[in-house]
């Protein structure tokens, strides 16, 4: 069974503590936008390293300094707009990572 928690939030110093109870044996991948005014990001979660075959989780727009935390034990695939802020542009190539139980990994887009 696929269990995923996805949060689009602006982190404060106390936010990671709230995630502790949710993740149990899962890991957390946090995608951060610190470069652009806004950027669209697509997330897929599943077992395959061929990200296009995994189940879509969501597409969200992250504004500058926003972070998106994905809590799961499955492989996480993500990609961003090729040209941030241009919704008509194609997507950048897929990137992926498998979260490690009881850890948080931060990734800058």
PDB file of N, CA and C in Angstrom:
ATOM      1  N   UNK A   1       0.846  -1.168   0.000  1.00  0.00           N
ATOM      2  CA  UNK A   1       0.000   0.000   0.000  1.00  0.00           C
ATOM      3  C   UNK A   1       0.890   1.229   0.000  1.00  0.00           C
ATOM      4  N   UNK A   2       0.556   2.184  -0.838  1.00  0.00           N
ATOM      5  CA  UNK A   2       1.306   3.410  -0.970  1.00  0.00           C
ATOM      6  C   UNK A   2       0.844   4.400   0.092  1.00  0.00           C
ATOM      7  N   UNK A   3       1.783   4.852   0.909  1.00  0.00           N
ATOM      8  CA  UNK A   3       1.468   5.850   1.925  1.00  0.00           C
ATOM      9  C   UNK A   3       2.349   7.051   1.686  1.00  0.00           C
ATOM     10  N   UNK A   4       1.735   8.185   1.429  1.00  0.00           N
ATOM     11  CA  UNK A   4       2.486   9.395   1.136  1.00  0.00           C
ATOM     12  C   UNK A   4       1.820  10.565   1.834  1.00  0.00           C
ATOM     13  N   UNK A   5       2.626  11.408   2.429  1.00  0.00           N
ATOM     14  CA  UNK A   5       2.162  12.672   2.967  1.00  0.00           C
ATOM     15  C   UNK A   5       2.913  13.748   2.211  1.00  0.00           C
ATOM     16  N   UNK A   6       2.233  14.693   1.632  1.00  0.00           N
ATOM     17  CA  UNK A   6       2.898  15.787   0.927  1.00  0.00           C
ATOM     18  C   UNK A   6       2.424  17.094   1.528  1.00  0.00           C
ATOM     19  N   UNK A   7       3.371  17.937   1.856  1.00  0.00           N
ATOM     20  CA  UNK A   7       3.059  19.199   2.491  1.00  0.00           C
ATOM     21  C   UNK A   7       3.712  20.321   1.706  1.00  0.00           C
ATOM     22  N   UNK A   8       2.970  21.317   1.347  1.00  0.00           N
ATOM     23  CA  UNK A   8       3.546  22.521   0.747  1.00  0.00           C
ATOM     24  C   UNK A   8       3.481  23.590   1.821  1.00  0.00           C
ATOM     25  N   UNK A   9       4.617  23.891   2.402  1.00  0.00           N
ATOM     26  CA  UNK A   9       4.629  24.800   3.531  1.00  0.00           C
ATOM     27  C   UNK A   9       5.872  25.671   3.496  1.00  0.00           C
ATOM     28  N   UNK A  10       5.810  26.733   4.201  1.00  0.00           N
ATOM     29  CA  UNK A  10       6.994  27.520   4.481  1.00  0.00           C
ATOM     30  C   UNK A  10       7.431  27.088   5.873  1.00  0.00           C
ATOM     31  N   UNK A  11       8.620  26.520   5.966  1.00  0.00           N
ATOM     32  CA  UNK A  11       9.079  25.974   7.229  1.00  0.00           C
ATOM     33  C   UNK A  11       9.401  27.058   8.237  1.00  0.00           C
ATOM     34  N   UNK A  12       9.075  26.775   9.464  1.00  0.00           N
ATOM     35  CA  UNK A  12       9.534  27.581  10.580  1.00  0.00           C
ATOM     36  C   UNK A  12      10.414  26.673  11.420  1.00  0.00           C
ATOM     37  N   UNK A  13      11.013  27.178  12.420  1.00  0.00           N
ATOM     38  CA  UNK A  13      11.928  26.361  13.222  1.00  0.00           C
ATOM     39  C   UNK A  13      11.222  25.206  13.907  1.00  0.00           C
ATOM     40  N   UNK A  14       9.917  25.286  14.157  1.00  0.00           N
ATOM     41  CA  UNK A  14       9.222  24.207  14.855  1.00  0.00           C
ATOM     42  C   UNK A  14       8.591  23.197  13.902  1.00  0.00           C
ATOM     43  N   UNK A  15       8.518  23.482  12.599  1.00  0.00           N
ATOM     44  CA  UNK A  15       7.838  22.608  11.650  1.00  0.00           C
ATOM     45  C   UNK A  15       8.420  21.194  11.604  1.00  0.00           C
ATOM     46  N   UNK A  16       9.726  20.986  11.530  1.00  0.00           N
ATOM     47  CA  UNK A  16      10.230  19.616  11.456  1.00  0.00           C
ATOM     48  C   UNK A  16       9.760  18.730  12.610  1.00  0.00           C
ATOM     49  N   UNK A  17       9.562  19.287  13.800  1.00  0.00           N
ATOM     50  CA  UNK A  17       9.082  18.487  14.926  1.00  0.00           C
ATOM     51  C   UNK A  17       7.693  17.926  14.656  1.00  0.00           C
ATOM     52  N   UNK A  18       6.847  18.679  13.975  1.00  0.00           N
ATOM     53  CA  UNK A  18       5.507  18.201  13.651  1.00  0.00           C
ATOM     54  C   UNK A  18       5.553  17.058  12.655  1.00  0.00           C
ATOM     55  N   UNK A  19       6.561  17.043  11.803  1.00  0.00           N
ATOM     56  CA  UNK A  19       6.676  15.967  10.822  1.00  0.00           C
ATOM     57  C   UNK A  19       7.149  14.659  11.456  1.00  0.00           C
ATOM     58  N   UNK A  20       7.837  14.738  12.574  1.00  0.00           N
ATOM     59  CA  UNK A  20       8.365  13.549  13.231  1.00  0.00           C
ATOM     60  C   UNK A  20       7.299  12.493  13.474  1.00  0.00           C
ATOM     61  N   UNK A  21       6.152  12.895  13.973  1.00  0.00           N
ATOM     62  CA  UNK A  21       5.095  11.935  14.277  1.00  0.00           C
ATOM     63  C   UNK A  21       4.503  11.329  13.020  1.00  0.00           C
ATOM     64  N   UNK A  22       4.475  12.075  11.917  1.00  0.00           N
ATOM     65  CA  UNK A  22       3.883  11.583  10.683  1.00  0.00           C
ATOM     66  C   UNK A  22       4.752  10.568   9.975  1.00  0.00           C
ATOM     67  N   UNK A  23       6.039  10.718  10.042  1.00  0.00           N
ATOM     68  CA  UNK A  23       6.893   9.904   9.190  1.00  0.00           C
ATOM     69  C   UNK A  23       7.155   8.501   9.702  1.00  0.00           C
ATOM     70  N   UNK A  24       7.018   8.246  11.001  1.00  0.00           N
ATOM     71  CA  UNK A  24       7.256   6.914  11.569  1.00  0.00           C
ATOM     72  C   UNK A  24       8.513   6.317  10.950  1.00  0.00           C
ATOM     73  N   UNK A  25       8.379   5.234  10.178  1.00  0.00           N
ATOM     74  CA  UNK A  25       9.533   4.582   9.569  1.00  0.00           C
ATOM     75  C   UNK A  25       9.868   5.170   8.204  1.00  0.00           C
ATOM     76  N   UNK A  26       9.096   6.146   7.737  1.00  0.00           N
ATOM     77  CA  UNK A  26       9.347   6.750   6.438  1.00  0.00           C
ATOM     78  C   UNK A  26      10.422   7.819   6.551  1.00  0.00           C
ATOM     79  N   UNK A  27      10.902   8.250   5.399  1.00  0.00           N
ATOM     80  CA  UNK A  27      11.836   9.358   5.347  1.00  0.00           C
ATOM     81  C   UNK A  27      11.142  10.579   4.780  1.00  0.00           C
ATOM     82  N   UNK A  28      11.833  11.703   4.832  1.00  0.00           N
ATOM     83  CA  UNK A  28      11.283  12.956   4.323  1.00  0.00           C
ATOM     84  C   UNK A  28      12.247  13.531   3.294  1.00  0.00           C
ATOM     85  N   UNK A  29      11.689  13.910   2.144  1.00  0.00           N
ATOM     86  CA  UNK A  29      12.437  14.653   1.143  1.00  0.00           C
ATOM     87  C   UNK A  29      11.814  16.040   1.086  1.00  0.00           C
ATOM     88  N   UNK A  30      12.636  17.067   1.238  1.00  0.00           N
ATOM     89  CA  UNK A  30      12.149  18.446   1.224  1.00  0.00           C
ATOM     90  C   UNK A  30      12.736  19.147   0.006  1.00  0.00           C
ATOM     91  N   UNK A  31      11.844  19.564  -0.907  1.00  0.00           N
ATOM     92  CA  UNK A  31      12.255  20.316  -2.092  1.00  0.00           C
ATOM     93  C   UNK A  31      12.135  21.800  -1.775  1.00  0.00           C
ATOM     94  N   UNK A  32      13.187  22.561  -2.063  1.00  0.00           N
ATOM     95  CA  UNK A  32      13.235  23.979  -1.713  1.00  0.00           C
ATOM     96  C   UNK A  32      13.443  24.842  -2.948  1.00  0.00           C
ATOM     97  N   UNK A  33      12.679  25.918  -3.027  1.00  0.00           N
ATOM     98  CA  UNK A  33      12.878  26.914  -4.071  1.00  0.00           C
ATOM     99  C   UNK A  33      13.487  28.159  -3.436  1.00  0.00           C
ATOM    100  N   UNK A  34      14.765  28.347  -3.637  1.00  0.00           N
ATOM    101  CA  UNK A  34      15.418  29.546  -3.112  1.00  0.00           C
ATOM    102  C   UNK A  34      15.932  30.440  -4.242  1.00  0.00           C
ATOM    103  N   UNK A  35      15.643  30.058  -5.503  1.00  0.00           N
ATOM    104  CA  UNK A  35      16.234  30.766  -6.639  1.00  0.00           C
ATOM    105  C   UNK A  35      15.267  31.628  -7.439  1.00  0.00           C
ATOM    106  N   UNK A  36      14.017  31.198  -7.586  1.00  0.00           N
ATOM    107  CA  UNK A  36      13.099  31.851  -8.506  1.00  0.00           C
ATOM    108  C   UNK A  36      11.914  32.441  -7.766  1.00  0.00           C
ATOM    109  N   UNK A  37      11.284  33.448  -8.386  1.00  0.00           N
ATOM    110  CA  UNK A  37      10.068  34.022  -7.808  1.00  0.00           C
ATOM    111  C   UNK A  37       9.003  32.952  -7.657  1.00  0.00           C
ATOM    112  N   UNK A  38       8.881  32.079  -8.656  1.00  0.00           N
ATOM    113  CA  UNK A  38       7.993  30.915  -8.568  1.00  0.00           C
ATOM    114  C   UNK A  38       8.457  29.874  -9.570  1.00  0.00           C
ATOM    115  N   UNK A  39       8.186  28.612  -9.256  1.00  0.00           N
ATOM    116  CA  UNK A  39       8.535  27.504 -10.136  1.00  0.00           C
ATOM    117  C   UNK A  39       7.532  26.375  -9.917  1.00  0.00           C
ATOM    118  N   UNK A  40       7.044  25.792 -11.015  1.00  0.00           N
ATOM    119  CA  UNK A  40       6.137  24.647 -10.896  1.00  0.00           C
ATOM    120  C   UNK A  40       6.973  23.382 -10.741  1.00  0.00           C
ATOM    121  N   UNK A  41       6.488  22.490  -9.884  1.00  0.00           N
ATOM    122  CA  UNK A  41       7.181  21.234  -9.603  1.00  0.00           C
ATOM    123  C   UNK A  41       6.171  20.097  -9.686  1.00  0.00           C
ATOM    124  N   UNK A  42       6.551  19.011 -10.347  1.00  0.00           N
ATOM    125  CA  UNK A  42       5.721  17.811 -10.414  1.00  0.00           C
ATOM    126  C   UNK A  42       6.375  16.720  -9.584  1.00  0.00           C
ATOM    127  N   UNK A  43       5.559  16.007  -8.802  1.00  0.00           N
ATOM    128  CA  UNK A  43       6.032  14.892  -7.971  1.00  0.00           C
ATOM    129  C   UNK A  43       5.311  13.626  -8.393  1.00  0.00           C
ATOM    130  N   UNK A  44       6.067  12.535  -8.518  1.00  0.00           N
ATOM    131  CA  UNK A  44       5.511  11.192  -8.715  1.00  0.00           C
ATOM    132  C   UNK A  44       6.164  10.276  -7.693  1.00  0.00           C
ATOM    133  N   UNK A  45       5.389   9.320  -7.203  1.00  0.00           N
ATOM    134  CA  UNK A  45       5.874   8.411  -6.170  1.00  0.00           C
ATOM    135  C   UNK A  45       5.556   6.986  -6.595  1.00  0.00           C
ATOM    136  N   UNK A  46       6.524   6.090  -6.425  1.00  0.00           N
ATOM    137  CA  UNK A  46       6.296   4.687  -6.775  1.00  0.00           C
ATOM    138  C   UNK A  46       7.561   3.880  -6.637  1.00  0.00           C
ATOM    139  N   UNK A  47       7.558   2.701  -7.255  1.00  0.00           N
ATOM    140  CA  UNK A  47       8.680   1.778  -7.121  1.00  0.00           C
ATOM    141  C   UNK A  47       9.687   1.885  -8.259  1.00  0.00           C
ATOM    142  N   UNK A  48       9.282   2.437  -9.394  1.00  0.00           N
ATOM    143  CA  UNK A  48      10.111   2.412 -10.600  1.00  0.00           C
ATOM    144  C   UNK A  48      11.054   3.604 -10.689  1.00  0.00           C
ATOM    145  N   UNK A  49      12.263   3.357 -11.190  1.00  0.00           N
ATOM    146  CA  UNK A  49      13.186   4.449 -11.481  1.00  0.00           C
ATOM    147  C   UNK A  49      12.834   5.115 -12.811  1.00  0.00           C
ATOM    148  N   UNK A  50      11.905   4.513 -13.570  1.00  0.00           N
ATOM    149  CA  UNK A  50      11.335   5.162 -14.753  1.00  0.00           C
ATOM    150  C   UNK A  50      10.190   6.026 -14.236  1.00  0.00           C
ATOM    151  N   UNK A  51      10.514   7.248 -13.883  1.00  0.00           N
ATOM    152  CA  UNK A  51       9.581   8.127 -13.164  1.00  0.00           C
ATOM    153  C   UNK A  51       8.257   8.324 -13.886  1.00  0.00           C
ATOM    154  N   UNK A  52       8.267   8.280 -15.205  1.00  0.00           N
ATOM    155  CA  UNK A  52       7.036   8.509 -15.957  1.00  0.00           C
ATOM    156  C   UNK A  52       5.994   7.422 -15.722  1.00  0.00           C
ATOM    157  N   UNK A  53       6.396   6.265 -15.195  1.00  0.00           N
ATOM    158  CA  UNK A  53       5.447   5.180 -14.933  1.00  0.00           C
ATOM    159  C   UNK A  53       4.888   5.210 -13.510  1.00  0.00           C
ATOM    160  N   UNK A  54       5.457   6.023 -12.649  1.00  0.00           N
ATOM    161  CA  UNK A  54       4.976   6.113 -11.267  1.00  0.00           C
ATOM    162  C   UNK A  54       3.713   6.973 -11.176  1.00  0.00           C
ATOM    163  N   UNK A  55       2.985   6.792 -10.093  1.00  0.00           N
ATOM    164  CA  UNK A  55       1.735   7.524  -9.888  1.00  0.00           C
ATOM    165  C   UNK A  55       1.991   9.006  -9.643  1.00  0.00           C
ATOM    166  N   UNK A  56       1.278   9.880 -10.360  1.00  0.00           N
ATOM    167  CA  UNK A  56       1.415  11.314 -10.091  1.00  0.00           C
ATOM    168  C   UNK A  56       0.888  11.635  -8.695  1.00  0.00           C
ATOM    169  N   UNK A  57       1.619  12.435  -7.963  1.00  0.00           N
ATOM    170  CA  UNK A  57       1.176  12.882  -6.648  1.00  0.00           C
ATOM    171  C   UNK A  57       0.530  14.255  -6.760  1.00  0.00           C
ATOM    172  N   UNK A  58       1.260  15.203  -7.367  1.00  0.00           N
ATOM    173  CA  UNK A  58       0.726  16.554  -7.480  1.00  0.00           C
ATOM    174  C   UNK A  58       1.666  17.404  -8.316  1.00  0.00           C
ATOM    175  N   UNK A  59       1.149  18.518  -8.815  1.00  0.00           N
ATOM    176  CA  UNK A  59       1.935  19.578  -9.436  1.00  0.00           C
ATOM    177  C   UNK A  59       1.604  20.837  -8.656  1.00  0.00           C
ATOM    178  N   UNK A  60       2.639  21.498  -8.134  1.00  0.00           N
ATOM    179  CA  UNK A  60       2.430  22.706  -7.331  1.00  0.00           C
ATOM    180  C   UNK A  60       3.399  23.781  -7.758  1.00  0.00           C
ATOM    181  N   UNK A  61       3.004  24.990  -7.457  1.00  0.00           N
ATOM    182  CA  UNK A  61       3.889  26.130  -7.679  1.00  0.00           C
ATOM    183  C   UNK A  61       4.501  26.515  -6.344  1.00  0.00           C
ATOM    184  N   UNK A  62       5.834  26.514  -6.313  1.00  0.00           N
ATOM    185  CA  UNK A  62       6.539  26.950  -5.107  1.00  0.00           C
ATOM    186  C   UNK A  62       7.064  28.354  -5.340  1.00  0.00           C
ATOM    187  N   UNK A  63       6.714  29.238  -4.465  1.00  0.00           N
ATOM    188  CA  UNK A  63       7.242  30.596  -4.515  1.00  0.00           C
ATOM    189  C   UNK A  63       8.624  30.615  -3.850  1.00  0.00           C
ATOM    190  N   UNK A  64       9.331  31.696  -4.052  1.00  0.00           N
ATOM    191  CA  UNK A  64      10.679  31.804  -3.473  1.00  0.00           C
ATOM    192  C   UNK A  64      10.630  31.533  -1.967  1.00  0.00           C
ATOM    193  N   UNK A  65      11.552  30.719  -1.493  1.00  0.00           N
ATOM    194  CA  UNK A  65      11.725  30.314  -0.096  1.00  0.00           C
ATOM    195  C   UNK A  65      10.636  29.376   0.431  1.00  0.00           C
ATOM    196  N   UNK A  66       9.778  28.864  -0.435  1.00  0.00           N
ATOM    197  CA  UNK A  66       8.834  27.825  -0.014  1.00  0.00           C
ATOM    198  C   UNK A  66       9.483  26.468  -0.172  1.00  0.00           C
ATOM    199  N   UNK A  67       8.989  25.532   0.643  1.00  0.00           N
ATOM    200  CA  UNK A  67       9.506  24.164   0.641  1.00  0.00           C
ATOM    201  C   UNK A  67       8.336  23.201   0.567  1.00  0.00           C
ATOM    202  N   UNK A  68       8.573  22.057  -0.048  1.00  0.00           N
ATOM    203  CA  UNK A  68       7.557  21.020  -0.186  1.00  0.00           C
ATOM    204  C   UNK A  68       8.139  19.748   0.409  1.00  0.00           C
ATOM    205  N   UNK A  69       7.525  19.255   1.475  1.00  0.00           N
ATOM    206  CA  UNK A  69       8.008  18.053   2.150  1.00  0.00           C
ATOM    207  C   UNK A  69       7.169  16.859   1.712  1.00  0.00           C
ATOM    208  N   UNK A  70       7.842  15.788   1.279  1.00  0.00           N
ATOM    209  CA  UNK A  70       7.173  14.564   0.876  1.00  0.00           C
ATOM    210  C   UNK A  70       7.632  13.476   1.840  1.00  0.00           C
ATOM    211  N   UNK A  71       6.667  12.842   2.495  1.00  0.00           N
ATOM    212  CA  UNK A  71       6.954  11.815   3.501  1.00  0.00           C
ATOM    213  C   UNK A  71       6.505  10.474   2.946  1.00  0.00           C
ATOM    214  N   UNK A  72       7.437   9.555   2.725  1.00  0.00           N
ATOM    215  CA  UNK A  72       7.116   8.244   2.166  1.00  0.00           C
ATOM    216  C   UNK A  72       8.312   7.318   2.328  1.00  0.00           C
ATOM    217  N   UNK A  73       8.093   6.043   2.051  1.00  0.00           N
ATOM    218  CA  UNK A  73       9.214   5.114   1.978  1.00  0.00           C
ATOM    219  C   UNK A  73       9.399   4.632   0.541  1.00  0.00           C
ATOM    220  N   UNK A  74       8.607   5.176  -0.400  1.00  0.00           N
ATOM    221  CA  UNK A  74       8.736   4.846  -1.819  1.00  0.00           C
ATOM    222  C   UNK A  74       9.667   5.831  -2.513  1.00  0.00           C
ATOM    223  N   UNK A  75      10.078   5.481  -3.727  1.00  0.00           N
ATOM    224  CA  UNK A  75      10.915   6.352  -4.538  1.00  0.00           C
ATOM    225  C   UNK A  75      10.141   7.627  -4.871  1.00  0.00           C
ATOM    226  N   UNK A  76      10.784   8.774  -4.721  1.00  0.00           N
ATOM    227  CA  UNK A  76      10.184  10.068  -5.056  1.00  0.00           C
ATOM    228  C   UNK A  76      10.862  10.591  -6.310  1.00  0.00           C
ATOM    229  N   UNK A  77      10.049  10.941  -7.311  1.00  0.00           N
ATOM    230  CA  UNK A  77      10.550  11.556  -8.536  1.00  0.00           C
ATOM    231  C   UNK A  77      10.027  12.979  -8.598  1.00  0.00           C
ATOM    232  N   UNK A  78      10.857  13.902  -9.035  1.00  0.00           N
ATOM    233  CA  UNK A  78      10.424  15.281  -9.172  1.00  0.00           C
ATOM    234  C   UNK A  78      11.092  15.903 -10.387  1.00  0.00           C
ATOM    235  N   UNK A  79      10.395  16.897 -10.931  1.00  0.00           N
ATOM    236  CA  UNK A  79      10.947  17.717 -11.996  1.00  0.00           C
ATOM    237  C   UNK A  79      10.319  19.094 -11.893  1.00  0.00           C
ATOM    238  N   UNK A  80      11.027  20.068 -12.423  1.00  0.00           N
ATOM    239  CA  UNK A  80      10.543  21.446 -12.383  1.00  0.00           C
ATOM    240  C   UNK A  80      10.403  21.955 -13.812  1.00  0.00           C
ATOM    241  N   UNK A  81       9.756  23.107 -13.917  1.00  0.00           N
ATOM    242  CA  UNK A  81       9.676  23.759 -15.217  1.00  0.00           C
ATOM    243  C   UNK A  81      11.091  24.000 -15.747  1.00  0.00           C
ATOM    244  N   UNK A  82      11.269  23.810 -17.035  1.00  0.00           N
ATOM    245  CA  UNK A  82      12.575  24.075 -17.641  1.00  0.00           C
ATOM    246  C   UNK A  82      12.942  25.552 -17.480  1.00  0.00           C
ATOM    247  N   UNK A  83      11.946  26.419 -17.695  1.00  0.00           N
ATOM    248  CA  UNK A  83      12.130  27.859 -17.517  1.00  0.00           C
ATOM    249  C   UNK A  83      11.171  28.301 -16.414  1.00  0.00           C
ATOM    250  N   UNK A  84      11.656  28.460 -15.193  1.00  0.00           N
ATOM    251  CA  UNK A  84      10.771  28.821 -14.087  1.00  0.00           C
ATOM    252  C   UNK A  84       9.945  30.072 -14.374  1.00  0.00           C
ATOM    253  N   UNK A  85       8.648  29.972 -14.084  1.00  0.00           N
ATOM    254  CA  UNK A  85       7.729  31.070 -14.306  1.00  0.00           C
ATOM    255  C   UNK A  85       7.068  31.040 -15.675  1.00  0.00           C
ATOM    256  N   UNK A  86       7.493  30.123 -16.560  1.00  0.00           N
ATOM    257  CA  UNK A  86       6.917  30.006 -17.900  1.00  0.00           C
ATOM    258  C   UNK A  86       6.191  28.671 -17.998  1.00  0.00           C
ATOM    259  N   UNK A  87       4.889  28.684 -17.711  1.00  0.00           N
ATOM    260  CA  UNK A  87       4.096  27.449 -17.697  1.00  0.00           C
ATOM    261  C   UNK A  87       4.024  26.774 -19.064  1.00  0.00           C
ATOM    262  N   UNK A  88       4.314  27.512 -20.139  1.00  0.00           N
ATOM    263  CA  UNK A  88       4.269  26.908 -21.471  1.00  0.00           C
ATOM    264  C   UNK A  88       5.564  26.179 -21.821  1.00  0.00           C
ATOM    265  N   UNK A  89       6.603  26.347 -21.012  1.00  0.00           N
ATOM    266  CA  UNK A  89       7.893  25.695 -21.273  1.00  0.00           C
ATOM    267  C   UNK A  89       7.820  24.212 -20.908  1.00  0.00           C
ATOM    268  N   UNK A  90       8.717  23.443 -21.479  1.00  0.00           N
ATOM    269  CA  UNK A  90       8.762  22.014 -21.170  1.00  0.00           C
ATOM    270  C   UNK A  90       9.331  21.789 -19.768  1.00  0.00           C
ATOM    271  N   UNK A  91       9.289  20.541 -19.338  1.00  0.00           N
ATOM    272  CA  UNK A  91       9.805  20.166 -18.017  1.00  0.00           C
ATOM    273  C   UNK A  91      11.292  19.843 -18.103  1.00  0.00           C
ATOM    274  N   UNK A  92      12.000  20.087 -17.009  1.00  0.00           N
ATOM    275  CA  UNK A  92      13.390  19.658 -16.865  1.00  0.00           C
ATOM    276  C   UNK A  92      13.389  18.135 -16.708  1.00  0.00           C
ATOM    277  N   UNK A  93      14.534  17.478 -16.862  1.00  0.00           N
ATOM    278  CA  UNK A  93      14.585  16.016 -16.682  1.00  0.00           C
ATOM    279  C   UNK A  93      14.200  15.607 -15.253  1.00  0.00           C
ATOM    280  N   UNK A  94      13.705  14.373 -15.128  1.00  0.00           N
ATOM    281  CA  UNK A  94      13.337  13.826 -13.819  1.00  0.00           C
ATOM    282  C   UNK A  94      14.568  13.657 -12.943  1.00  0.00           C
ATOM    283  N   UNK A  95      14.381  13.891 -11.670  1.00  0.00           N
ATOM    284  CA  UNK A  95      15.365  13.544 -10.646  1.00  0.00           C
ATOM    285  C   UNK A  95      14.642  12.646  -9.665  1.00  0.00           C
ATOM    286  N   UNK A  96      15.374  11.820  -8.924  1.00  0.00           N
ATOM    287  CA  UNK A  96      14.696  10.940  -7.977  1.00  0.00           C
ATOM    288  C   UNK A  96      15.585  10.614  -6.791  1.00  0.00           C
ATOM    289  N   UNK A  97      14.930  10.173  -5.735  1.00  0.00           N
ATOM    290  CA  UNK A  97      15.631   9.751  -4.515  1.00  0.00           C
ATOM    291  C   UNK A  97      14.701   8.842  -3.727  1.00  0.00           C
ATOM    292  N   UNK A  98      15.284   7.901  -3.039  1.00  0.00           N
ATOM    293  CA  UNK A  98      14.521   7.054  -2.131  1.00  0.00           C
ATOM    294  C   UNK A  98      14.812   7.542  -0.719  1.00  0.00           C
ATOM    295  N   UNK A  99      13.788   8.000  -0.011  1.00  0.00           N
ATOM    296  CA  UNK A  99      14.009   8.483   1.354  1.00  0.00           C
ATOM    297  C   UNK A  99      14.551   7.380   2.259  1.00  0.00           C
ATOM    298  N   UNK A 100      15.376   7.784   3.188  1.00  0.00           N
ATOM    299  CA  UNK A 100      15.929   6.864   4.183  1.00  0.00           C
ATOM    300  C   UNK A 100      15.109   7.018   5.453  1.00  0.00           C
ATOM    301  N   UNK A 101      14.702   5.897   6.016  1.00  0.00           N
ATOM    302  CA  UNK A 101      13.848   5.918   7.208  1.00  0.00           C
ATOM    303  C   UNK A 101      14.423   6.821   8.291  1.00  0.00           C
ATOM    304  N   UNK A 102      13.530   7.587   8.885  1.00  0.00           N
ATOM    305  CA  UNK A 102      13.854   8.454  10.016  1.00  0.00           C
ATOM    306  C   UNK A 102      14.896   9.525   9.717  1.00  0.00           C
ATOM    307  N   UNK A 103      14.978   9.942   8.448  1.00  0.00           N
ATOM    308  CA  UNK A 103      15.895  11.018   8.090  1.00  0.00           C
ATOM    309  C   UNK A 103      15.162  12.046   7.222  1.00  0.00           C
ATOM    310  N   UNK A 104      15.727  13.236   7.162  1.00  0.00           N
ATOM    311  CA  UNK A 104      15.218  14.297   6.290  1.00  0.00           C
ATOM    312  C   UNK A 104      16.333  14.695   5.345  1.00  0.00           C
ATOM    313  N   UNK A 105      15.996  14.729   4.056  1.00  0.00           N
ATOM    314  CA  UNK A 105      16.964  15.153   3.041  1.00  0.00           C
ATOM    315  C   UNK A 105      16.424  16.416   2.386  1.00  0.00           C
ATOM    316  N   UNK A 106      17.243  17.458   2.344  1.00  0.00           N
ATOM    317  CA  UNK A 106      16.875  18.708   1.691  1.00  0.00           C
ATOM    318  C   UNK A 106      17.490  18.760   0.301  1.00  0.00           C
ATOM    319  N   UNK A 107      16.663  19.158  -0.683  1.00  0.00           N
ATOM    320  CA  UNK A 107      17.112  19.297  -2.064  1.00  0.00           C
ATOM    321  C   UNK A 107      16.707  20.683  -2.550  1.00  0.00           C
ATOM    322  N   UNK A 108      17.658  21.418  -3.115  1.00  0.00           N
ATOM    323  CA  UNK A 108      17.375  22.722  -3.708  1.00  0.00           C
ATOM    324  C   UNK A 108      17.076  22.512  -5.177  1.00  0.00           C
ATOM    325  N   UNK A 109      15.959  23.065  -5.617  1.00  0.00           N
ATOM    326  CA  UNK A 109      15.562  22.927  -7.027  1.00  0.00           C
ATOM    327  C   UNK A 109      16.504  23.696  -7.938  1.00  0.00           C
TER     328      UNK A 109
END
